[in-house]
N, C-alpha and C. Protein backbone atom coordinates (compact mmCIF):
# COMPACT_ATOMS: atom_id res chain seq x y z
N UNK A 1 0.44 120.87 59.72
CA UNK A 1 -0.24 121.30 58.45
C UNK A 1 0.19 120.03 57.62
N UNK A 2 -1.17 120.17 56.73
CA UNK A 2 -1.26 118.75 55.54
C UNK A 2 -1.39 119.70 54.47
N UNK A 3 -0.27 118.59 53.46
CA UNK A 3 -1.06 119.01 52.19
C UNK A 3 -2.08 118.82 51.75
N UNK A 4 -3.43 118.49 52.45
CA UNK A 4 -4.77 118.25 52.12
C UNK A 4 -5.31 120.14 51.72
N UNK A 5 -4.23 120.56 52.79
CA UNK A 5 -5.14 122.22 52.92
C UNK A 5 -4.30 123.04 52.13
N UNK A 6 -3.65 122.46 51.41
CA UNK A 6 -3.22 123.28 50.93
C UNK A 6 -2.66 122.73 48.89
N UNK A 7 -2.75 121.85 48.60
CA UNK A 7 -3.22 121.45 47.44
C UNK A 7 -3.70 122.26 46.18
N UNK A 8 -3.33 121.91 45.05
CA UNK A 8 -4.75 122.47 44.18
C UNK A 8 -5.25 121.22 43.76
N UNK A 9 -6.47 121.25 43.24
CA UNK A 9 -7.27 120.40 42.56
C UNK A 9 -8.54 121.09 42.42
N UNK A 10 -8.87 120.48 41.16
CA UNK A 10 -8.96 119.56 40.55
C UNK A 10 -7.33 119.78 39.93
N UNK A 11 -7.38 118.69 39.72
CA UNK A 11 -5.77 118.27 38.35
C UNK A 11 -5.67 118.47 37.38
N UNK A 12 -5.61 119.14 35.96
CA UNK A 12 -5.13 119.32 34.99
C UNK A 12 -4.66 117.90 34.65
N UNK A 13 -4.79 116.53 34.23
CA UNK A 13 -4.11 115.72 33.45
C UNK A 13 -4.13 115.13 32.24
N UNK A 14 -3.18 114.04 31.64
CA UNK A 14 -3.94 113.61 30.54
C UNK A 14 -3.86 112.71 30.19
N UNK A 15 -4.61 111.32 29.76
CA UNK A 15 -4.78 110.45 29.80
C UNK A 15 -3.35 109.67 29.48
N UNK A 16 -3.37 108.19 29.66
CA UNK A 16 -1.48 108.13 28.95
C UNK A 16 -1.78 107.18 27.60
N UNK A 17 -3.37 107.11 27.50
CA UNK A 17 -3.36 107.11 26.23
C UNK A 17 -3.61 107.50 24.79
N UNK A 18 -3.10 109.17 25.95
CA UNK A 18 -3.67 110.22 24.09
C UNK A 18 -2.54 110.37 24.30
N UNK A 19 -2.36 111.49 23.00
CA UNK A 19 -1.66 111.18 21.61
C UNK A 19 -0.58 112.27 22.47
N UNK A 20 0.36 112.44 22.23
CA UNK A 20 1.78 113.41 22.43
C UNK A 20 1.57 114.77 21.95
N UNK A 21 0.96 115.06 20.97
CA UNK A 21 0.40 116.03 20.37
C UNK A 21 -1.40 117.07 21.73
N UNK A 22 -1.69 115.92 21.71
CA UNK A 22 -2.77 116.64 23.12
C UNK A 22 -2.22 116.86 23.96
N UNK A 23 -1.16 116.17 24.98
CA UNK A 23 0.11 116.63 26.00
C UNK A 23 0.14 118.35 25.86
N UNK A 24 0.95 118.49 24.70
CA UNK A 24 1.75 119.58 24.43
C UNK A 24 1.12 120.74 24.81
N UNK A 25 -0.41 120.70 23.79
CA UNK A 25 -1.84 121.51 23.95
C UNK A 25 -2.37 121.66 25.12
N UNK A 26 -2.09 120.72 26.05
CA UNK A 26 -2.27 121.43 27.57
C UNK A 26 -1.94 122.35 28.16
N UNK A 27 -0.54 121.84 27.97
CA UNK A 27 0.44 122.58 28.23
C UNK A 27 0.68 124.00 27.60
N UNK A 28 0.90 123.82 26.64
CA UNK A 28 0.94 125.47 26.48
C UNK A 28 -1.36 126.22 26.60
N UNK A 29 -1.93 125.65 27.01
CA UNK A 29 -3.50 126.28 26.90
C UNK A 29 -3.25 126.65 28.36
N UNK A 30 -2.65 125.74 29.91
CA UNK A 30 -2.72 125.96 30.88
C UNK A 30 -1.09 127.02 31.46
N UNK A 31 0.13 127.05 30.56
CA UNK A 31 0.90 127.72 30.77
C UNK A 31 0.91 126.88 32.05
N UNK A 32 1.53 125.11 31.89
CA UNK A 32 2.70 124.75 32.69
C UNK A 32 3.40 124.08 31.96
N UNK A 33 4.41 123.10 32.53
CA UNK A 33 5.46 122.39 32.50
C UNK A 33 5.69 121.07 32.50
N UNK A 34 4.59 120.69 33.14
CA UNK A 34 4.40 118.90 33.61
C UNK A 34 2.95 118.51 33.23
N UNK A 35 2.70 117.61 33.35
CA UNK A 35 1.12 117.08 33.57
C UNK A 35 1.14 115.62 33.68
N UNK A 36 0.32 115.66 35.05
CA UNK A 36 0.27 114.13 35.50
C UNK A 36 -0.32 113.14 34.67
N UNK A 37 -0.11 112.08 34.24
CA UNK A 37 -0.71 111.14 33.91
C UNK A 37 -1.74 110.31 34.20
N UNK A 38 -2.70 110.05 33.99
CA UNK A 38 -3.70 109.01 34.35
C UNK A 38 -4.30 107.98 33.87
N UNK A 39 -4.85 106.44 33.85
CA UNK A 39 -5.13 105.80 33.44
C UNK A 39 -6.96 106.40 33.70
N UNK A 40 -7.53 105.42 32.44
CA UNK A 40 -9.05 105.79 32.47
C UNK A 40 -9.75 105.64 33.83
N UNK A 41 -8.83 105.38 35.30
CA UNK A 41 -10.13 105.50 36.34
C UNK A 41 -9.50 106.36 36.92
N UNK A 42 -8.59 107.30 36.53
CA UNK A 42 -7.81 108.11 37.07
C UNK A 42 -6.72 108.55 38.41
N UNK A 43 -6.44 106.67 38.28
CA UNK A 43 -4.73 106.16 38.81
C UNK A 43 -3.62 107.30 38.01
N UNK A 44 -2.81 107.66 39.09
CA UNK A 44 -1.42 108.19 38.85
C UNK A 44 -1.12 107.09 38.05
N UNK A 45 0.00 106.78 36.89
CA UNK A 45 0.51 106.49 36.30
C UNK A 45 1.81 106.83 35.80
N UNK A 46 2.03 108.33 35.67
CA UNK A 46 3.34 108.40 34.96
C UNK A 46 2.96 110.06 35.31
N UNK A 47 4.35 110.70 34.60
CA UNK A 47 4.18 112.28 34.27
C UNK A 47 4.87 112.76 32.81
N UNK A 48 4.00 113.14 32.81
CA UNK A 48 5.18 114.12 31.06
C UNK A 48 5.59 115.41 31.19
N UNK A 49 6.70 115.44 30.86
CA UNK A 49 7.61 117.15 30.77
C UNK A 49 7.48 118.05 29.66
N UNK A 50 7.59 118.93 29.44
CA UNK A 50 7.91 119.88 28.63
C UNK A 50 9.58 119.52 27.46
N UNK A 51 10.72 119.30 28.39
CA UNK A 51 11.54 118.88 28.37
C UNK A 51 11.19 117.98 27.20
N UNK A 52 10.23 116.64 27.67
CA UNK A 52 10.34 115.03 27.48
C UNK A 52 9.76 115.47 25.87
N UNK A 53 8.25 116.05 25.76
CA UNK A 53 7.87 116.32 24.38
C UNK A 53 8.53 117.38 23.38
N UNK A 54 9.74 117.97 24.04
CA UNK A 54 10.37 118.30 23.09
C UNK A 54 11.40 117.36 22.39
N UNK A 55 12.16 116.46 23.42
CA UNK A 55 13.24 115.41 22.51
C UNK A 55 12.37 114.78 21.79
N UNK A 56 11.37 114.52 21.60
CA UNK A 56 10.20 113.65 21.24
C UNK A 56 9.50 114.23 20.10
N UNK A 57 9.57 115.26 20.41
CA UNK A 57 8.11 116.01 18.75
C UNK A 57 9.56 116.12 17.83
N UNK A 58 9.68 115.85 17.54
CA UNK A 58 10.40 116.39 15.31
C UNK A 58 10.17 117.84 15.67
N UNK A 59 11.52 118.51 14.75
CA UNK A 59 11.90 119.61 14.82
C UNK A 59 11.24 120.31 13.73
N UNK A 60 10.50 121.76 13.51
CA UNK A 60 9.49 121.88 12.01
C UNK A 60 10.61 121.90 10.99
N UNK A 61 11.88 122.01 11.53
CA UNK A 61 12.88 122.38 10.15
C UNK A 61 13.67 121.03 10.22
N UNK A 62 13.05 119.91 10.62
CA UNK A 62 13.17 118.78 10.39
C UNK A 62 13.20 117.88 9.16
N UNK A 63 14.34 117.66 7.74
CA UNK A 63 13.52 117.00 7.06
C UNK A 63 12.54 116.25 6.25
N UNK A 64 11.38 116.54 6.74
CA UNK A 64 10.15 115.16 6.47
C UNK A 64 9.27 116.05 5.60
N UNK A 65 8.34 115.55 5.39
CA UNK A 65 6.84 115.74 4.47
C UNK A 65 5.98 116.12 6.23
N UNK A 66 4.89 116.89 5.63
CA UNK A 66 4.36 117.45 6.79
C UNK A 66 3.50 115.79 6.95
N UNK A 67 3.10 115.26 5.92
CA UNK A 67 2.21 113.90 6.13
C UNK A 67 3.33 112.21 6.91
N UNK A 68 4.80 112.34 6.57
CA UNK A 68 5.15 111.63 7.98
C UNK A 68 5.31 112.48 9.01
N UNK A 69 5.11 113.62 9.27
CA UNK A 69 5.69 113.84 10.62
C UNK A 69 3.94 113.21 10.71
N UNK A 70 2.83 114.00 10.62
CA UNK A 70 1.65 113.80 10.84
C UNK A 70 1.64 112.27 11.33
N UNK A 71 2.48 111.77 11.10
CA UNK A 71 1.73 110.43 10.35
C UNK A 71 2.77 109.64 11.81
N UNK A 72 4.82 110.25 11.86
CA UNK A 72 4.99 109.59 13.21
C UNK A 72 4.34 110.51 14.48
N UNK A 73 3.55 111.28 14.36
CA UNK A 73 3.25 111.60 15.93
C UNK A 73 2.10 110.95 16.07
N UNK A 74 1.34 110.65 14.54
CA UNK A 74 -0.31 109.62 15.51
C UNK A 74 -0.02 109.00 16.01
N UNK A 75 1.45 107.91 16.20
CA UNK A 75 1.86 107.17 16.71
C UNK A 75 2.04 107.17 17.81
N UNK A 76 3.06 108.55 18.13
CA UNK A 76 3.19 108.50 19.83
C UNK A 76 2.25 108.24 20.62
N UNK A 77 2.07 107.85 21.91
CA UNK A 77 1.23 108.05 23.14
C UNK A 77 2.01 108.78 24.16
N UNK A 78 1.06 109.16 25.46
CA UNK A 78 1.73 109.76 26.43
C UNK A 78 2.75 108.83 26.75
N UNK A 79 1.13 107.45 26.88
CA UNK A 79 2.57 106.13 28.13
C UNK A 79 4.03 106.14 27.21
N UNK A 80 4.10 106.64 25.83
CA UNK A 80 5.62 105.69 25.90
C UNK A 80 6.59 106.91 26.18
N UNK A 81 5.87 108.14 26.34
CA UNK A 81 7.17 109.05 26.64
C UNK A 81 7.15 109.64 28.42
N UNK A 82 5.74 109.40 29.10
CA UNK A 82 5.64 109.48 30.44
C UNK A 82 7.06 109.23 31.03
N UNK A 83 7.10 109.93 32.29
CA UNK A 83 7.82 109.25 33.25
C UNK A 83 7.00 109.07 34.27
N UNK A 84 7.97 106.93 34.88
CA UNK A 84 7.10 105.96 35.30
C UNK A 84 6.95 106.67 36.90
N UNK A 85 8.13 106.12 37.09
CA UNK A 85 9.26 106.70 38.50
C UNK A 85 8.36 107.96 38.63
N UNK A 86 7.41 108.64 39.52
CA UNK A 86 7.41 109.70 40.20
C UNK A 86 6.89 109.19 41.88
N UNK A 87 7.83 110.81 41.65
CA UNK A 87 7.96 111.20 43.59
C UNK A 87 6.52 111.40 43.67
N UNK A 88 6.11 111.09 45.56
CA UNK A 88 4.16 111.19 45.28
C UNK A 88 4.13 111.94 46.98
N UNK A 89 3.40 112.21 47.57
CA UNK A 89 2.54 112.34 48.37
C UNK A 89 1.16 112.34 49.07
N UNK A 90 0.82 111.69 50.00
CA UNK A 90 -0.30 111.79 50.25
C UNK A 90 -1.22 112.69 50.93
N UNK A 91 -2.17 112.74 50.93
CA UNK A 91 -2.70 114.57 51.78
C UNK A 91 -2.01 114.27 53.00
N UNK A 92 -1.98 113.35 53.65
CA UNK A 92 -1.68 113.04 55.18
C UNK A 92 -0.56 113.65 55.30
N UNK A 93 0.77 114.11 54.05
CA UNK A 93 2.05 114.49 54.52
C UNK A 93 1.82 115.31 55.25
N UNK A 94 3.23 115.83 55.71
CA UNK A 94 3.35 117.29 56.27
C UNK A 94 3.86 118.03 54.95
N UNK A 95 3.69 119.47 55.41
CA UNK A 95 4.14 120.26 54.40
C UNK A 95 5.65 120.64 54.51
N UNK A 96 5.72 120.24 56.15
CA UNK A 96 7.17 120.37 55.85
C UNK A 96 8.17 119.05 55.39
N UNK A 97 7.56 118.58 55.58
CA UNK A 97 8.24 116.75 54.73
C UNK A 97 7.93 116.45 53.62
N UNK A 98 6.91 117.45 52.43
CA UNK A 98 6.67 117.55 51.68
C UNK A 98 7.75 118.60 50.80
N UNK A 99 7.84 119.50 51.96
CA UNK A 99 9.53 120.63 51.58
C UNK A 99 10.88 120.00 51.47
N UNK A 100 10.70 119.05 51.98
CA UNK A 100 12.17 118.57 52.88
C UNK A 100 12.43 116.93 51.32
N UNK A 101 11.35 116.70 51.20
CA UNK A 101 11.34 115.44 49.94
C UNK A 101 11.54 115.95 48.50
N UNK A 102 10.77 117.71 48.27
CA UNK A 102 11.67 117.53 47.05
C UNK A 102 12.98 118.27 46.78
N UNK A 103 13.14 119.08 48.02
CA UNK A 103 14.75 119.65 48.06
C UNK A 103 15.61 118.43 47.82
N UNK A 104 15.37 117.06 48.85
CA UNK A 104 16.13 116.70 48.54
C UNK A 104 16.43 115.65 47.47
N UNK A 105 15.27 115.74 46.98
CA UNK A 105 15.03 114.43 45.08
C UNK A 105 14.89 115.43 44.25
N UNK A 106 15.14 117.05 44.59
CA UNK A 106 14.97 118.21 43.05
C UNK A 106 14.55 117.86 42.29
N UNK A 107 12.31 117.75 42.80
CA UNK A 107 11.78 117.80 41.60
C UNK A 107 10.59 119.24 42.06
N UNK A 108 10.22 119.24 40.64
CA UNK A 108 9.24 120.44 40.71
C UNK A 108 8.03 120.65 41.11
N UNK A 109 7.48 119.21 41.08
CA UNK A 109 5.74 118.74 40.73
C UNK A 109 6.28 117.29 41.76
N UNK A 110 4.95 117.67 43.02
CA UNK A 110 4.75 116.75 43.73
C UNK A 110 2.56 116.11 43.46
N UNK A 111 2.57 114.66 42.83
CA UNK A 111 1.37 114.49 43.03
C UNK A 111 1.01 113.87 44.11
N UNK A 112 -0.72 114.81 44.69
CA UNK A 112 -1.20 113.89 46.15
C UNK A 112 -1.89 112.71 45.13
N UNK A 113 -1.94 111.94 46.01
CA UNK A 113 -2.66 110.96 45.89
C UNK A 113 -3.18 109.70 46.82
N UNK A 114 -4.22 109.10 46.71
CA UNK A 114 -4.93 108.73 48.34
C UNK A 114 -3.94 106.89 47.87
N UNK A 115 -4.79 106.06 49.22
CA UNK A 115 -4.39 104.68 49.45
C UNK A 115 -4.28 104.25 47.46
N UNK A 116 -4.52 104.56 47.05
CA UNK A 116 -5.70 103.50 46.04
C UNK A 116 -4.55 104.35 44.70
N UNK A 117 -3.88 105.13 45.16
CA UNK A 117 -3.09 105.68 44.45
C UNK A 117 -3.49 106.52 42.98
N UNK A 118 -5.19 106.83 43.01
CA UNK A 118 -6.04 107.91 42.49
C UNK A 118 -5.84 109.44 43.15
N UNK A 119 -5.14 109.85 41.99
CA UNK A 119 -4.49 111.58 41.42
C UNK A 119 -5.71 112.26 42.53
N UNK A 120 -5.70 112.70 43.48
CA UNK A 120 -6.47 113.70 44.74
C UNK A 120 -5.78 115.43 44.92
N UNK A 121 -5.06 115.57 44.17
CA UNK A 121 -4.35 116.85 44.00
C UNK A 121 -2.91 117.29 43.33
N UNK A 122 -2.29 118.07 43.62
CA UNK A 122 -0.47 118.09 43.72
C UNK A 122 -0.45 119.56 43.98
N UNK A 123 1.13 119.73 44.15
CA UNK A 123 1.73 120.88 44.91
C UNK A 123 2.93 121.25 44.34
N UNK A 124 3.31 122.16 43.85
CA UNK A 124 4.46 122.39 42.87
C UNK A 124 5.25 122.95 44.01
N UNK A 125 6.52 123.47 43.24
CA UNK A 125 7.69 124.53 44.35
C UNK A 125 7.43 125.54 44.44
N UNK A 126 6.42 126.46 43.52
CA UNK A 126 5.68 127.52 43.37
C UNK A 126 4.84 127.83 44.90
N UNK A 127 3.93 126.62 44.82
CA UNK A 127 3.04 126.64 46.36
C UNK A 127 4.15 126.49 46.81
N UNK A 128 4.82 125.39 47.54
CA UNK A 128 5.70 126.04 48.46
C UNK A 128 6.64 126.48 49.46
N UNK A 129 6.78 127.58 48.05
CA UNK A 129 7.82 128.46 48.28
C UNK A 129 6.76 129.39 48.86
N UNK A 130 5.71 129.75 48.22
CA UNK A 130 4.61 130.87 48.92
C UNK A 130 3.67 129.82 50.42
N UNK A 131 3.78 128.55 50.13
CA UNK A 131 3.27 128.38 51.49
C UNK A 131 4.83 129.07 52.84
N UNK A 132 5.63 129.00 52.55
CA UNK A 132 7.20 128.77 53.80
C UNK A 132 6.91 130.36 54.03
N UNK A 133 6.54 131.02 52.61
CA UNK A 133 6.44 132.79 52.49
C UNK A 133 5.55 132.66 53.79
N UNK A 134 4.17 132.67 53.67
CA UNK A 134 3.27 132.79 54.23
C UNK A 134 3.60 131.94 55.82
N UNK A 135 4.24 130.79 56.32
CA UNK A 135 4.49 130.72 57.44
C UNK A 135 6.14 131.67 58.59
N UNK A 136 6.70 132.22 57.03
CA UNK A 136 7.93 132.95 58.64
C UNK A 136 7.40 134.14 58.44
N UNK A 137 6.74 134.80 57.57
CA UNK A 137 6.44 136.27 57.45
C UNK A 137 6.75 136.93 56.88
N UNK A 138 7.18 136.76 55.71
CA UNK A 138 7.91 137.52 54.68
C UNK A 138 6.94 138.45 54.16
N UNK A 139 7.65 139.42 54.08
CA UNK A 139 6.77 140.30 53.94
C UNK A 139 5.72 141.37 54.05
N UNK A 140 6.20 140.91 55.62
CA UNK A 140 5.01 141.70 56.96
C UNK A 140 5.67 142.27 57.61
N UNK A 141 5.26 143.44 57.57
CA UNK A 141 6.14 144.76 58.70
C UNK A 141 6.38 144.54 59.62
N UNK A 142 7.68 144.35 60.14
CA UNK A 142 7.98 144.87 61.60
C UNK A 142 9.56 144.87 61.44
N UNK A 143 9.94 144.06 62.21
CA UNK A 143 11.69 143.84 62.26
C UNK A 143 12.00 142.35 62.62
N UNK A 144 12.83 141.94 62.80
CA UNK A 144 13.42 140.92 62.64
C UNK A 144 14.59 140.69 64.33
N UNK A 145 14.70 139.85 64.95
CA UNK A 145 15.52 140.19 65.98
C UNK A 145 16.39 138.61 65.73
N UNK A 146 17.69 138.60 65.29
CA UNK A 146 18.59 137.89 64.83
C UNK A 146 19.37 137.51 66.05
N UNK A 147 19.17 136.43 66.60
CA UNK A 147 19.87 135.73 68.12
C UNK A 147 21.24 135.05 68.29
N UNK A 148 22.25 134.82 68.50
CA UNK A 148 22.81 134.33 68.70
C UNK A 148 24.04 134.16 70.08
N UNK A 149 24.73 133.13 69.58
CA UNK A 149 25.35 133.12 71.41
C UNK A 149 25.26 131.66 71.71
N UNK A 150 26.34 131.38 72.60
CA UNK A 150 26.69 130.06 72.68
C UNK A 150 25.46 129.18 73.98
N UNK A 151 25.02 130.05 74.61
CA UNK A 151 23.98 129.73 76.04
C UNK A 151 22.47 129.72 74.99
N UNK A 152 22.24 129.81 73.93
CA UNK A 152 21.20 130.06 73.58
C UNK A 152 20.27 128.81 72.99
N UNK A 153 21.35 127.43 73.28
CA UNK A 153 20.08 126.52 73.61
C UNK A 153 19.51 126.01 74.50
N UNK A 154 20.25 126.94 75.90
CA UNK A 154 19.54 126.52 76.92
C UNK A 154 18.66 127.87 77.61
N UNK A 155 18.13 129.00 77.02
CA UNK A 155 17.28 130.35 77.58
C UNK A 155 16.47 130.52 76.25
N UNK A 156 15.73 129.77 74.83
CA UNK A 156 15.02 129.71 74.42
C UNK A 156 13.61 129.97 75.30
N UNK A 157 13.52 129.36 76.66
CA UNK A 157 11.82 130.07 77.43
C UNK A 157 12.27 130.78 78.15
N UNK A 158 13.67 131.29 78.37
CA UNK A 158 13.81 132.77 79.15
C UNK A 158 13.20 133.72 77.81
N UNK A 159 14.15 133.97 76.42
CA UNK A 159 13.40 134.71 75.65
C UNK A 159 12.24 134.31 74.88
N UNK A 160 10.98 133.62 75.61
CA UNK A 160 9.64 133.60 75.34
C UNK A 160 9.37 134.01 76.57
N UNK A 161 9.58 134.17 77.75
CA UNK A 161 9.04 135.10 78.84
C UNK A 161 9.50 136.20 78.58
N UNK A 162 10.62 136.45 77.87
CA UNK A 162 11.13 138.19 77.86
C UNK A 162 9.70 139.09 76.79
N UNK A 163 9.62 137.71 75.94
CA UNK A 163 9.05 138.29 74.56
C UNK A 163 7.28 138.61 75.22
N UNK A 164 6.46 137.60 76.24
CA UNK A 164 5.77 137.93 76.95
C UNK A 164 5.32 139.00 78.11
N UNK A 165 6.73 139.39 78.25
CA UNK A 165 6.87 140.89 79.27
C UNK A 165 6.28 141.51 78.17
N UNK A 166 6.95 141.92 77.58
CA UNK A 166 6.71 143.27 76.35
C UNK A 166 5.28 142.68 75.31
N UNK A 167 4.58 142.16 76.07
CA UNK A 167 3.72 141.77 75.26
C UNK A 167 3.75 141.86 73.70
N UNK A 168 4.65 141.42 73.55
CA UNK A 168 5.03 141.66 71.72
C UNK A 168 3.88 140.54 71.07
N UNK A 169 3.87 141.29 69.53
CA UNK A 169 3.27 140.33 68.77
C UNK A 169 4.33 139.21 67.70
N UNK A 170 3.69 138.77 67.90
CA UNK A 170 5.17 137.37 67.53
C UNK A 170 4.87 136.94 66.30
N UNK A 171 5.41 137.17 64.65
CA UNK A 171 5.09 136.83 63.58
C UNK A 171 5.37 134.97 63.44
N UNK A 172 7.24 135.51 63.72
CA UNK A 172 7.54 134.11 63.84
C UNK A 172 8.37 133.74 64.63
N UNK A 173 8.97 132.69 64.83
CA UNK A 173 10.51 132.32 65.62
C UNK A 173 10.58 130.62 64.90
N UNK A 174 11.83 131.44 63.69
CA UNK A 174 12.52 130.36 63.09
C UNK A 174 14.10 129.57 63.44
N UNK A 175 14.63 128.52 63.87
CA UNK A 175 16.31 128.71 63.45
C UNK A 175 16.96 128.78 61.92
N UNK A 176 18.17 129.57 62.20
CA UNK A 176 18.91 129.27 61.53
C UNK A 176 20.16 128.91 61.42
N UNK A 177 20.98 127.91 60.25
CA UNK A 177 21.94 127.74 60.69
C UNK A 177 22.54 128.35 59.65
N UNK A 178 24.49 128.69 60.21
CA UNK A 178 25.07 129.78 59.51
C UNK A 178 25.86 128.97 58.53
N UNK A 179 25.93 129.20 57.61
CA UNK A 179 26.62 128.46 56.58
C UNK A 179 28.44 127.80 57.20
N UNK A 180 28.74 126.71 56.95
CA UNK A 180 30.08 126.29 57.99
C UNK A 180 29.77 125.71 59.38
N UNK A 181 28.73 126.18 60.18
CA UNK A 181 28.32 126.28 61.09
C UNK A 181 27.44 125.29 61.83
N UNK A 182 28.02 124.35 63.89
CA UNK A 182 27.62 123.23 63.83
C UNK A 182 26.27 124.70 64.85
N UNK A 183 26.70 125.79 64.63
CA UNK A 183 25.40 126.61 65.61
C UNK A 183 24.51 126.93 64.88
N UNK A 184 22.45 126.85 65.76
CA UNK A 184 22.28 127.19 65.45
C UNK A 184 21.08 128.15 66.19
N UNK A 185 21.03 129.77 64.97
CA UNK A 185 21.31 130.48 65.93
C UNK A 185 19.72 130.69 65.76
N UNK A 186 18.69 131.23 66.19
CA UNK A 186 17.02 131.75 65.82
C UNK A 186 16.78 133.42 65.26
N UNK A 187 16.06 133.28 64.96
CA UNK A 187 15.20 134.77 63.99
C UNK A 187 13.84 135.01 65.20
N UNK A 188 13.93 135.78 65.88
CA UNK A 188 12.82 136.48 65.72
C UNK A 188 11.62 137.52 65.06
N UNK A 189 10.89 137.14 64.67
CA UNK A 189 10.00 138.20 63.92
C UNK A 189 9.06 139.00 64.67
N UNK A 190 8.96 140.02 64.48
CA UNK A 190 7.66 140.79 65.66
C UNK A 190 6.89 141.74 64.62
N UNK A 191 5.80 141.92 65.03
CA UNK A 191 4.77 142.93 64.14
C UNK A 191 5.42 144.56 65.13
N UNK A 192 6.41 144.77 64.88
CA UNK A 192 6.57 145.90 65.58
C UNK A 192 7.77 146.83 64.68
N UNK A 193 8.18 148.18 64.68
CA UNK A 193 9.62 148.69 64.72
C UNK A 193 10.38 149.19 65.89
N UNK A 194 10.28 148.98 66.70
CA UNK A 194 10.42 149.51 67.62
C UNK A 194 10.49 148.38 68.87
N UNK A 195 11.96 147.53 69.11
CA UNK A 195 11.90 146.82 69.29
C UNK A 195 13.62 146.37 70.13
N UNK A 196 13.72 147.77 70.34
CA UNK A 196 15.19 147.90 71.17
C UNK A 196 15.22 147.40 72.27
N UNK A 197 14.28 147.45 73.33
CA UNK A 197 14.15 147.40 74.62
C UNK A 197 13.56 145.74 74.99
N UNK A 198 13.47 145.29 73.93
CA UNK A 198 13.30 143.26 73.59
C UNK A 198 14.29 143.11 73.20
N UNK A 199 15.07 143.99 72.31
CA UNK A 199 16.77 142.94 72.15
C UNK A 199 17.72 143.57 73.74
N UNK A 200 17.39 144.55 74.01
CA UNK A 200 18.03 144.99 75.44
C UNK A 200 17.90 143.36 76.09
N UNK A 201 16.76 143.27 76.59
CA UNK A 201 16.86 142.27 77.12
C UNK A 201 17.17 140.95 77.25
N UNK A 202 17.03 140.70 75.88
CA UNK A 202 17.42 139.04 75.45
C UNK A 202 18.97 139.13 75.68
N UNK A 203 19.54 140.60 75.65
CA UNK A 203 21.10 140.40 75.56
C UNK A 203 21.83 140.32 76.88
N UNK A 204 20.61 140.91 77.56
CA UNK A 204 20.71 140.39 79.67
C UNK A 204 20.91 138.98 79.67
N UNK A 205 20.76 137.97 78.83
CA UNK A 205 20.55 137.30 79.21
C UNK A 205 21.94 136.14 78.39
N UNK A 206 23.11 136.98 77.88
CA UNK A 206 24.17 136.85 77.40
C UNK A 206 23.95 135.97 75.88
N UNK A 207 23.13 136.84 75.32
CA UNK A 207 23.37 136.91 73.62
C UNK A 207 23.64 137.91 73.26
N UNK A 208 23.83 137.34 71.58
CA UNK A 208 23.55 138.47 70.63
C UNK A 208 22.32 138.97 70.09
N UNK A 209 22.37 139.96 69.98
CA UNK A 209 20.70 139.76 69.33
C UNK A 209 20.97 141.55 68.27
N UNK A 210 20.82 141.45 66.77
CA UNK A 210 21.13 142.26 65.53
C UNK A 210 19.31 142.32 65.50
N UNK A 211 19.56 143.82 65.50
CA UNK A 211 17.94 144.00 65.14
C UNK A 211 18.42 144.39 63.45
N UNK A 212 17.51 143.13 62.85
CA UNK A 212 17.14 143.78 61.23
C UNK A 212 15.78 143.98 60.51
N UNK A 213 15.69 144.89 59.98
CA UNK A 213 14.20 145.88 59.58
C UNK A 213 14.83 145.46 57.84
N UNK A 214 13.20 145.24 57.92
CA UNK A 214 12.68 145.04 56.05
C UNK A 214 13.11 145.93 55.04
C-alpha cells in the first residue's frame, strides 16, 4: 500500500507571502490545526501551526490600541513564523513506512511531495489510524485467536494449513509483542463466531490459543 492511494488531495494551503491572519482564518474555516505553506509555484516551503500562531498573535487583552494591533499583524507574514524543517513523504512511500516515520518523530501531519518538492497531498495521524483500523479489521464481526507459545516461529505455515482445512475466512493476521517480552505472538482475526474447532487444532501444534471476542 502506498501513500498515493490514501493521501488527501487537493491540499488546503497558504502562501508563504500571506499574512498570519489569513492562515488563522483558513484554520478556523476548515477546522484544522496545521496548514502546509507553499511558494507561488506550489513547492512546499514550510508548515504553520495553530500553536505557533497563538504564540505570535497578541491576545485581545494585550494593552495596545486596535490600530497598533492591526499595524503589528500587518507586518507579520506566514514565512516569518512557519516551521521550515518539515518531515515529508512521497507518493511512493509505503503506508507502513509512513506510520513508523510519524510515530518515530511524533508528528501528526506529513505533507506528500513529488521529486520537485511540489505538494501533491497530505496524510495525518487520523488518516493513518483509519487505514490501520481497516487493515486489522477492527470493528468487523468475528473473533480473534491470540496465539502464543515457544514453537510458534516454526509452525506459522501449519497454522495457515489448519485455517485452510476449516475454510476459515481470515480478516487479518498480525504479530503482537507483549510488553517487556522478546517473544512475538500473533493474532488471527476470523470472520466467524465459532472458532472452537480451529483453536483446538492449533493447540494440537503445541501452542496456546485464547479466543477473544469483540
